[in-house]
């Protein structure tokens, strides 16, 4: 049910992007609220999935001038959210924003790399870890 709600929001916003760009603020606020206040795993996962769908076309200020990056980076170390968070961070890393947000981007990258080294130390035998990992860990290894 929640996934359908978020999908409906995505379709509505996508259709009216150029006309109602400022209305994205409501979706942005809802996503940040859910990610900061909810304890429900499925709601957080649905929110991360919805956010991933928006990231390629939302105004960059909603990503780099809000607590969104810090919020996403808090979820990356948690196994139940790692893959969805990694998809969001990858989408952000692929954005073309010139030099304007370099400081935020470099900070995101540095925090991510520290977290990644904690999750997957440099001495890890990747093929062995993949062979013995859960299916979710295997997907995470493929995304990384």
N, C-alpha and C. Protein backbone atom coordinates (compact mmCIF):
# COMPACT_ATOMS: atom_id res chain seq x y z
N UNK A 1 0.81 -1.18 0.00
CA UNK A 1 0.00 0.00 0.00
C UNK A 1 0.87 1.26 0.00
N UNK A 2 1.90 1.26 0.84
CA UNK A 2 2.79 2.43 0.91
C UNK A 2 3.54 2.63 -0.39
N UNK A 3 3.96 1.53 -1.00
CA UNK A 3 4.68 1.63 -2.27
C UNK A 3 3.78 2.25 -3.33
N UNK A 4 2.51 1.85 -3.35
CA UNK A 4 1.57 2.43 -4.31
C UNK A 4 1.38 3.92 -4.06
N UNK A 5 1.30 4.30 -2.79
CA UNK A 5 1.18 5.72 -2.44
C UNK A 5 2.36 6.51 -2.97
N UNK A 6 3.58 6.00 -2.71
CA UNK A 6 4.77 6.72 -3.15
C UNK A 6 4.88 6.71 -4.68
N UNK A 7 4.49 5.61 -5.31
CA UNK A 7 4.52 5.55 -6.77
C UNK A 7 3.55 6.58 -7.35
N UNK A 8 2.37 6.68 -6.77
CA UNK A 8 1.39 7.67 -7.21
C UNK A 8 1.98 9.07 -7.09
N UNK A 9 2.66 9.35 -5.97
CA UNK A 9 3.30 10.65 -5.80
C UNK A 9 4.35 10.88 -6.88
N UNK A 10 5.11 9.85 -7.20
CA UNK A 10 6.15 9.98 -8.22
C UNK A 10 5.54 10.33 -9.57
N UNK A 11 4.51 9.60 -9.98
CA UNK A 11 3.87 9.83 -11.28
C UNK A 11 3.29 11.24 -11.33
N UNK A 12 2.61 11.64 -10.26
CA UNK A 12 2.03 12.98 -10.24
C UNK A 12 3.09 14.06 -10.35
N UNK A 13 4.17 13.90 -9.62
CA UNK A 13 5.23 14.92 -9.65
C UNK A 13 5.96 14.93 -10.98
N UNK A 14 6.19 13.76 -11.52
CA UNK A 14 6.90 13.68 -12.79
C UNK A 14 6.10 14.38 -13.89
N UNK A 15 4.79 14.18 -13.92
CA UNK A 15 3.94 14.78 -14.94
C UNK A 15 3.92 16.30 -14.87
N UNK A 16 4.04 16.83 -13.68
CA UNK A 16 3.94 18.26 -13.49
C UNK A 16 5.27 18.92 -13.14
N UNK A 17 6.36 18.27 -13.42
CA UNK A 17 7.68 18.76 -12.99
C UNK A 17 7.94 20.19 -13.43
N UNK A 18 7.80 20.48 -14.69
CA UNK A 18 8.16 21.80 -15.18
C UNK A 18 7.16 22.87 -14.74
N UNK A 19 5.93 22.48 -14.55
CA UNK A 19 4.92 23.44 -14.14
C UNK A 19 4.93 23.65 -12.63
N UNK A 20 5.14 22.57 -11.88
CA UNK A 20 5.01 22.61 -10.43
C UNK A 20 6.29 22.19 -9.72
N UNK A 21 7.42 22.62 -10.22
CA UNK A 21 8.70 22.23 -9.63
C UNK A 21 8.77 22.57 -8.15
N UNK A 22 8.24 23.70 -7.77
CA UNK A 22 8.32 24.10 -6.36
C UNK A 22 7.50 23.18 -5.46
N UNK A 23 6.51 22.49 -6.01
CA UNK A 23 5.71 21.59 -5.21
C UNK A 23 6.49 20.34 -4.79
N UNK A 24 7.63 20.12 -5.39
CA UNK A 24 8.44 18.99 -4.97
C UNK A 24 8.86 19.14 -3.51
N UNK A 25 8.88 20.34 -3.04
CA UNK A 25 9.28 20.58 -1.65
C UNK A 25 8.46 19.73 -0.69
N UNK A 26 7.18 19.55 -0.95
CA UNK A 26 6.33 18.74 -0.08
C UNK A 26 6.78 17.28 -0.06
N UNK A 27 7.13 16.75 -1.20
CA UNK A 27 7.59 15.36 -1.27
C UNK A 27 8.94 15.25 -0.59
N UNK A 28 9.80 16.22 -0.81
CA UNK A 28 11.11 16.25 -0.18
C UNK A 28 10.96 16.25 1.34
N UNK A 29 10.10 17.11 1.84
CA UNK A 29 9.87 17.18 3.29
C UNK A 29 9.30 15.88 3.82
N UNK A 30 8.38 15.26 3.09
CA UNK A 30 7.80 13.99 3.51
C UNK A 30 8.87 12.91 3.58
N UNK A 31 9.70 12.82 2.55
CA UNK A 31 10.77 11.82 2.54
C UNK A 31 11.73 12.04 3.71
N UNK A 32 12.15 13.27 3.93
CA UNK A 32 13.06 13.55 5.05
C UNK A 32 12.40 13.23 6.38
N UNK A 33 11.12 13.54 6.50
CA UNK A 33 10.42 13.25 7.75
C UNK A 33 10.36 11.74 8.01
N UNK A 34 9.98 10.99 7.01
CA UNK A 34 9.89 9.54 7.17
C UNK A 34 11.26 8.96 7.51
N UNK A 35 12.29 9.40 6.79
CA UNK A 35 13.63 8.86 7.03
C UNK A 35 14.18 9.24 8.39
N UNK A 36 13.74 10.35 8.94
CA UNK A 36 14.27 10.76 10.24
C UNK A 36 13.41 10.30 11.41
N UNK A 37 12.13 10.03 11.18
CA UNK A 37 11.23 9.76 12.31
C UNK A 37 10.69 8.33 12.35
N UNK A 38 10.65 7.65 11.24
CA UNK A 38 10.00 6.34 11.21
C UNK A 38 10.91 5.24 11.74
N UNK A 39 10.31 4.26 12.35
CA UNK A 39 11.01 3.06 12.80
C UNK A 39 10.54 1.84 11.99
N UNK A 40 9.63 2.07 11.05
CA UNK A 40 9.05 0.97 10.26
C UNK A 40 9.93 0.69 9.05
N UNK A 41 10.49 -0.49 9.02
CA UNK A 41 11.43 -0.88 7.97
C UNK A 41 10.83 -0.74 6.58
N UNK A 42 9.64 -1.25 6.38
CA UNK A 42 9.04 -1.20 5.04
C UNK A 42 8.73 0.22 4.59
N UNK A 43 8.35 1.08 5.51
CA UNK A 43 8.10 2.48 5.16
C UNK A 43 9.39 3.18 4.76
N UNK A 44 10.45 2.91 5.49
CA UNK A 44 11.76 3.50 5.16
C UNK A 44 12.23 2.98 3.81
N UNK A 45 12.08 1.68 3.58
CA UNK A 45 12.50 1.10 2.30
C UNK A 45 11.69 1.69 1.14
N UNK A 46 10.39 1.85 1.33
CA UNK A 46 9.55 2.44 0.28
C UNK A 46 9.95 3.89 0.03
N UNK A 47 10.30 4.61 1.08
CA UNK A 47 10.72 6.00 0.93
C UNK A 47 12.05 6.08 0.18
N UNK A 48 13.00 5.22 0.52
CA UNK A 48 14.29 5.20 -0.18
C UNK A 48 14.08 4.86 -1.66
N UNK A 49 13.21 3.91 -1.94
CA UNK A 49 12.94 3.53 -3.32
C UNK A 49 12.30 4.69 -4.09
N UNK A 50 11.38 5.38 -3.46
CA UNK A 50 10.73 6.53 -4.10
C UNK A 50 11.74 7.65 -4.33
N UNK A 51 12.54 7.90 -3.32
CA UNK A 51 13.56 8.93 -3.44
C UNK A 51 14.51 8.63 -4.59
N UNK A 52 14.89 7.37 -4.74
CA UNK A 52 15.77 6.97 -5.84
C UNK A 52 15.15 7.34 -7.19
N UNK A 53 13.84 7.15 -7.31
CA UNK A 53 13.16 7.48 -8.57
C UNK A 53 13.19 8.97 -8.87
N UNK A 54 13.22 9.81 -7.84
CA UNK A 54 13.21 11.26 -8.02
C UNK A 54 14.59 11.86 -8.27
N UNK A 55 15.63 11.23 -7.78
CA UNK A 55 16.94 11.88 -7.69
C UNK A 55 17.52 12.37 -9.02
N UNK A 56 17.19 11.73 -10.10
CA UNK A 56 17.80 12.13 -11.38
C UNK A 56 17.21 13.43 -11.95
N UNK A 57 16.10 13.89 -11.43
CA UNK A 57 15.49 15.08 -12.02
C UNK A 57 15.06 16.15 -11.04
N UNK A 58 15.23 15.95 -9.74
CA UNK A 58 14.83 16.99 -8.81
C UNK A 58 15.86 18.12 -8.81
N UNK A 59 15.47 19.32 -8.42
CA UNK A 59 16.44 20.42 -8.32
C UNK A 59 17.57 20.05 -7.36
N UNK A 60 18.79 20.35 -7.74
CA UNK A 60 19.97 19.94 -6.97
C UNK A 60 19.98 20.49 -5.55
N UNK A 61 19.37 21.63 -5.34
CA UNK A 61 19.34 22.19 -4.01
C UNK A 61 18.67 21.29 -2.99
N UNK A 62 17.68 20.51 -3.43
CA UNK A 62 17.01 19.59 -2.53
C UNK A 62 17.94 18.46 -2.08
N UNK A 63 18.97 18.20 -2.85
CA UNK A 63 19.93 17.16 -2.49
C UNK A 63 21.06 17.74 -1.67
N UNK A 64 21.67 18.82 -2.17
CA UNK A 64 22.90 19.32 -1.59
C UNK A 64 22.70 20.43 -0.55
N UNK A 65 21.54 21.04 -0.49
CA UNK A 65 21.32 22.14 0.46
C UNK A 65 20.33 21.75 1.55
N UNK A 66 20.19 20.48 1.79
CA UNK A 66 19.29 19.96 2.82
C UNK A 66 20.03 18.83 3.55
N UNK A 67 19.43 18.29 4.58
CA UNK A 67 20.09 17.19 5.30
C UNK A 67 19.98 15.84 4.59
N UNK A 68 19.58 15.84 3.33
CA UNK A 68 19.35 14.58 2.63
C UNK A 68 20.59 13.70 2.56
N UNK A 69 21.74 14.26 2.18
CA UNK A 69 22.96 13.44 2.07
C UNK A 69 23.33 12.83 3.40
N UNK A 70 23.30 13.62 4.45
CA UNK A 70 23.63 13.11 5.78
C UNK A 70 22.66 12.01 6.20
N UNK A 71 21.39 12.21 5.86
CA UNK A 71 20.38 11.22 6.20
C UNK A 71 20.64 9.91 5.45
N UNK A 72 20.92 10.01 4.17
CA UNK A 72 21.22 8.79 3.40
C UNK A 72 22.45 8.08 3.93
N UNK A 73 23.47 8.86 4.26
CA UNK A 73 24.71 8.25 4.76
C UNK A 73 24.51 7.56 6.10
N UNK A 74 23.51 7.97 6.88
CA UNK A 74 23.20 7.27 8.13
C UNK A 74 22.61 5.89 7.86
N UNK A 75 21.94 5.73 6.73
CA UNK A 75 21.29 4.46 6.42
C UNK A 75 22.23 3.46 5.74
N UNK A 76 23.29 3.93 5.11
CA UNK A 76 24.17 3.02 4.37
C UNK A 76 24.76 1.89 5.22
N UNK A 77 25.21 2.14 6.43
CA UNK A 77 25.79 1.04 7.21
C UNK A 77 24.78 -0.03 7.66
N UNK A 78 23.50 0.28 7.59
CA UNK A 78 22.48 -0.65 8.07
C UNK A 78 22.12 -1.65 6.98
N UNK A 79 22.35 -2.94 7.21
CA UNK A 79 22.15 -3.94 6.17
C UNK A 79 20.77 -3.93 5.51
N UNK A 80 19.72 -3.67 6.26
CA UNK A 80 18.38 -3.73 5.67
C UNK A 80 18.10 -2.57 4.71
N UNK A 81 18.91 -1.52 4.78
CA UNK A 81 18.72 -0.36 3.90
C UNK A 81 19.89 -0.12 2.96
N UNK A 82 20.92 -0.91 3.09
CA UNK A 82 22.18 -0.65 2.38
C UNK A 82 22.01 -0.58 0.87
N UNK A 83 21.35 -1.56 0.28
CA UNK A 83 21.25 -1.59 -1.19
C UNK A 83 20.46 -0.41 -1.74
N UNK A 84 19.32 -0.10 -1.11
CA UNK A 84 18.53 1.05 -1.58
C UNK A 84 19.28 2.36 -1.37
N UNK A 85 19.96 2.47 -0.24
CA UNK A 85 20.74 3.68 0.02
C UNK A 85 21.88 3.81 -0.99
N UNK A 86 22.53 2.70 -1.28
CA UNK A 86 23.62 2.72 -2.26
C UNK A 86 23.11 3.14 -3.64
N UNK A 87 21.93 2.70 -4.00
CA UNK A 87 21.35 3.12 -5.28
C UNK A 87 21.12 4.63 -5.29
N UNK A 88 20.62 5.18 -4.19
CA UNK A 88 20.41 6.63 -4.09
C UNK A 88 21.73 7.38 -4.18
N UNK A 89 22.72 6.93 -3.43
CA UNK A 89 24.03 7.60 -3.44
C UNK A 89 24.69 7.51 -4.81
N UNK A 90 24.52 6.39 -5.48
CA UNK A 90 25.07 6.22 -6.82
C UNK A 90 24.40 7.19 -7.80
N UNK A 91 23.10 7.33 -7.67
CA UNK A 91 22.36 8.27 -8.53
C UNK A 91 22.85 9.70 -8.30
N UNK A 92 23.07 10.05 -7.05
CA UNK A 92 23.57 11.40 -6.73
C UNK A 92 24.97 11.58 -7.30
N UNK A 93 25.82 10.57 -7.15
CA UNK A 93 27.19 10.67 -7.65
C UNK A 93 27.23 10.84 -9.17
N UNK A 94 26.22 10.34 -9.87
CA UNK A 94 26.18 10.43 -11.33
C UNK A 94 25.62 11.76 -11.84
N UNK A 95 25.11 12.60 -10.95
CA UNK A 95 24.52 13.87 -11.39
C UNK A 95 25.60 14.82 -11.90
N UNK A 96 25.22 15.64 -12.84
CA UNK A 96 26.13 16.65 -13.38
C UNK A 96 25.78 17.99 -12.74
N UNK A 97 26.65 18.45 -11.85
CA UNK A 97 26.37 19.68 -11.13
C UNK A 97 27.53 20.67 -11.17
N UNK A 98 28.53 20.41 -12.00
CA UNK A 98 29.65 21.32 -12.12
C UNK A 98 30.42 21.42 -10.82
N UNK A 99 31.02 22.59 -10.58
CA UNK A 99 31.83 22.79 -9.37
C UNK A 99 31.02 23.33 -8.20
N UNK A 100 29.77 23.67 -8.42
CA UNK A 100 28.98 24.38 -7.42
C UNK A 100 28.83 23.62 -6.11
N UNK A 101 28.65 22.31 -6.18
CA UNK A 101 28.43 21.51 -4.98
C UNK A 101 29.62 20.59 -4.67
N UNK A 102 30.80 20.95 -5.12
CA UNK A 102 31.98 20.11 -4.91
C UNK A 102 32.24 19.80 -3.43
N UNK A 103 32.09 20.78 -2.57
CA UNK A 103 32.37 20.57 -1.14
C UNK A 103 31.44 19.49 -0.58
N UNK A 104 30.16 19.58 -0.88
CA UNK A 104 29.20 18.59 -0.39
C UNK A 104 29.47 17.21 -1.00
N UNK A 105 29.83 17.21 -2.28
CA UNK A 105 30.10 15.95 -2.97
C UNK A 105 31.33 15.26 -2.37
N UNK A 106 32.39 16.01 -2.16
CA UNK A 106 33.62 15.44 -1.59
C UNK A 106 33.36 14.94 -0.17
N UNK A 107 32.59 15.68 0.59
CA UNK A 107 32.25 15.24 1.94
C UNK A 107 31.44 13.94 1.90
N UNK A 108 30.46 13.86 1.01
CA UNK A 108 29.67 12.64 0.85
C UNK A 108 30.58 11.47 0.50
N UNK A 109 31.49 11.69 -0.43
CA UNK A 109 32.40 10.63 -0.88
C UNK A 109 33.29 10.16 0.28
N UNK A 110 33.84 11.10 1.03
CA UNK A 110 34.73 10.73 2.14
C UNK A 110 33.99 9.93 3.21
N UNK A 111 32.82 10.38 3.60
CA UNK A 111 32.03 9.65 4.60
C UNK A 111 31.67 8.27 4.08
N UNK A 112 31.26 8.20 2.82
CA UNK A 112 30.90 6.92 2.22
C UNK A 112 32.09 5.95 2.23
N UNK A 113 33.26 6.43 1.86
CA UNK A 113 34.44 5.56 1.80
C UNK A 113 34.82 5.04 3.18
N UNK A 114 34.72 5.87 4.20
CA UNK A 114 35.00 5.41 5.57
C UNK A 114 34.00 4.32 5.96
N UNK A 115 32.73 4.55 5.66
CA UNK A 115 31.71 3.55 5.97
C UNK A 115 31.93 2.26 5.19
N UNK A 116 32.28 2.39 3.92
CA UNK A 116 32.51 1.21 3.09
C UNK A 116 33.68 0.39 3.61
N UNK A 117 34.74 1.05 4.06
CA UNK A 117 35.90 0.33 4.60
C UNK A 117 35.55 -0.39 5.90
N UNK A 118 34.60 0.14 6.64
CA UNK A 118 34.14 -0.55 7.85
C UNK A 118 33.33 -1.79 7.49
N UNK A 119 32.49 -1.65 6.48
CA UNK A 119 31.64 -2.76 6.04
C UNK A 119 32.45 -3.81 5.28
N UNK A 120 33.33 -3.33 4.44
CA UNK A 120 34.13 -4.19 3.57
C UNK A 120 35.59 -3.76 3.65
N UNK A 121 36.33 -4.24 4.66
CA UNK A 121 37.73 -3.82 4.83
C UNK A 121 38.56 -4.10 3.57
N UNK A 122 39.59 -3.29 3.33
CA UNK A 122 40.42 -3.46 2.13
C UNK A 122 41.05 -4.85 2.00
N UNK A 123 41.21 -5.55 3.10
CA UNK A 123 41.83 -6.89 3.06
C UNK A 123 40.83 -7.99 2.75
N UNK A 124 39.58 -7.63 2.54
CA UNK A 124 38.53 -8.62 2.28
C UNK A 124 38.77 -9.34 0.96
N UNK A 125 38.65 -10.63 1.00
CA UNK A 125 38.69 -11.45 -0.22
C UNK A 125 37.28 -11.38 -0.81
N UNK A 126 37.10 -10.55 -1.83
CA UNK A 126 35.77 -10.28 -2.39
C UNK A 126 35.10 -11.56 -2.92
N UNK A 127 35.77 -12.38 -3.73
CA UNK A 127 35.09 -13.59 -4.22
C UNK A 127 34.64 -14.52 -3.08
N UNK A 128 35.46 -14.64 -2.05
CA UNK A 128 35.09 -15.49 -0.92
C UNK A 128 33.92 -14.89 -0.13
N UNK A 129 33.99 -13.59 0.11
CA UNK A 129 32.90 -12.92 0.83
C UNK A 129 31.60 -13.02 0.04
N UNK A 130 31.69 -12.90 -1.27
CA UNK A 130 30.51 -13.02 -2.11
C UNK A 130 29.93 -14.43 -2.03
N UNK A 131 30.79 -15.44 -2.10
CA UNK A 131 30.33 -16.83 -2.07
C UNK A 131 29.64 -17.18 -0.76
N UNK A 132 30.07 -16.57 0.34
CA UNK A 132 29.51 -16.90 1.65
C UNK A 132 28.50 -15.87 2.15
N UNK A 133 28.23 -14.85 1.37
CA UNK A 133 27.31 -13.80 1.79
C UNK A 133 25.87 -14.15 1.53
N UNK A 134 24.98 -13.43 2.20
CA UNK A 134 23.55 -13.60 1.96
C UNK A 134 23.22 -13.05 0.58
N UNK A 135 22.03 -13.32 0.10
CA UNK A 135 21.65 -12.81 -1.23
C UNK A 135 21.65 -11.29 -1.25
N UNK A 136 21.25 -10.64 -0.15
CA UNK A 136 21.27 -9.19 -0.09
C UNK A 136 22.70 -8.66 -0.11
N UNK A 137 23.61 -9.33 0.58
CA UNK A 137 25.03 -8.94 0.56
C UNK A 137 25.62 -9.13 -0.82
N UNK A 138 25.20 -10.18 -1.51
CA UNK A 138 25.70 -10.40 -2.86
C UNK A 138 25.25 -9.31 -3.80
N UNK A 139 24.00 -8.88 -3.67
CA UNK A 139 23.51 -7.77 -4.48
C UNK A 139 24.29 -6.51 -4.17
N UNK A 140 24.54 -6.27 -2.89
CA UNK A 140 25.32 -5.10 -2.48
C UNK A 140 26.72 -5.14 -3.09
N UNK A 141 27.33 -6.30 -3.12
CA UNK A 141 28.68 -6.43 -3.71
C UNK A 141 28.64 -6.13 -5.20
N UNK A 142 27.58 -6.54 -5.87
CA UNK A 142 27.46 -6.28 -7.30
C UNK A 142 27.25 -4.79 -7.58
N UNK A 143 26.49 -4.12 -6.72
CA UNK A 143 26.23 -2.69 -6.91
C UNK A 143 27.49 -1.90 -6.65
N UNK A 144 28.23 -2.27 -5.58
CA UNK A 144 29.43 -1.55 -5.22
C UNK A 144 30.46 -1.75 -6.28
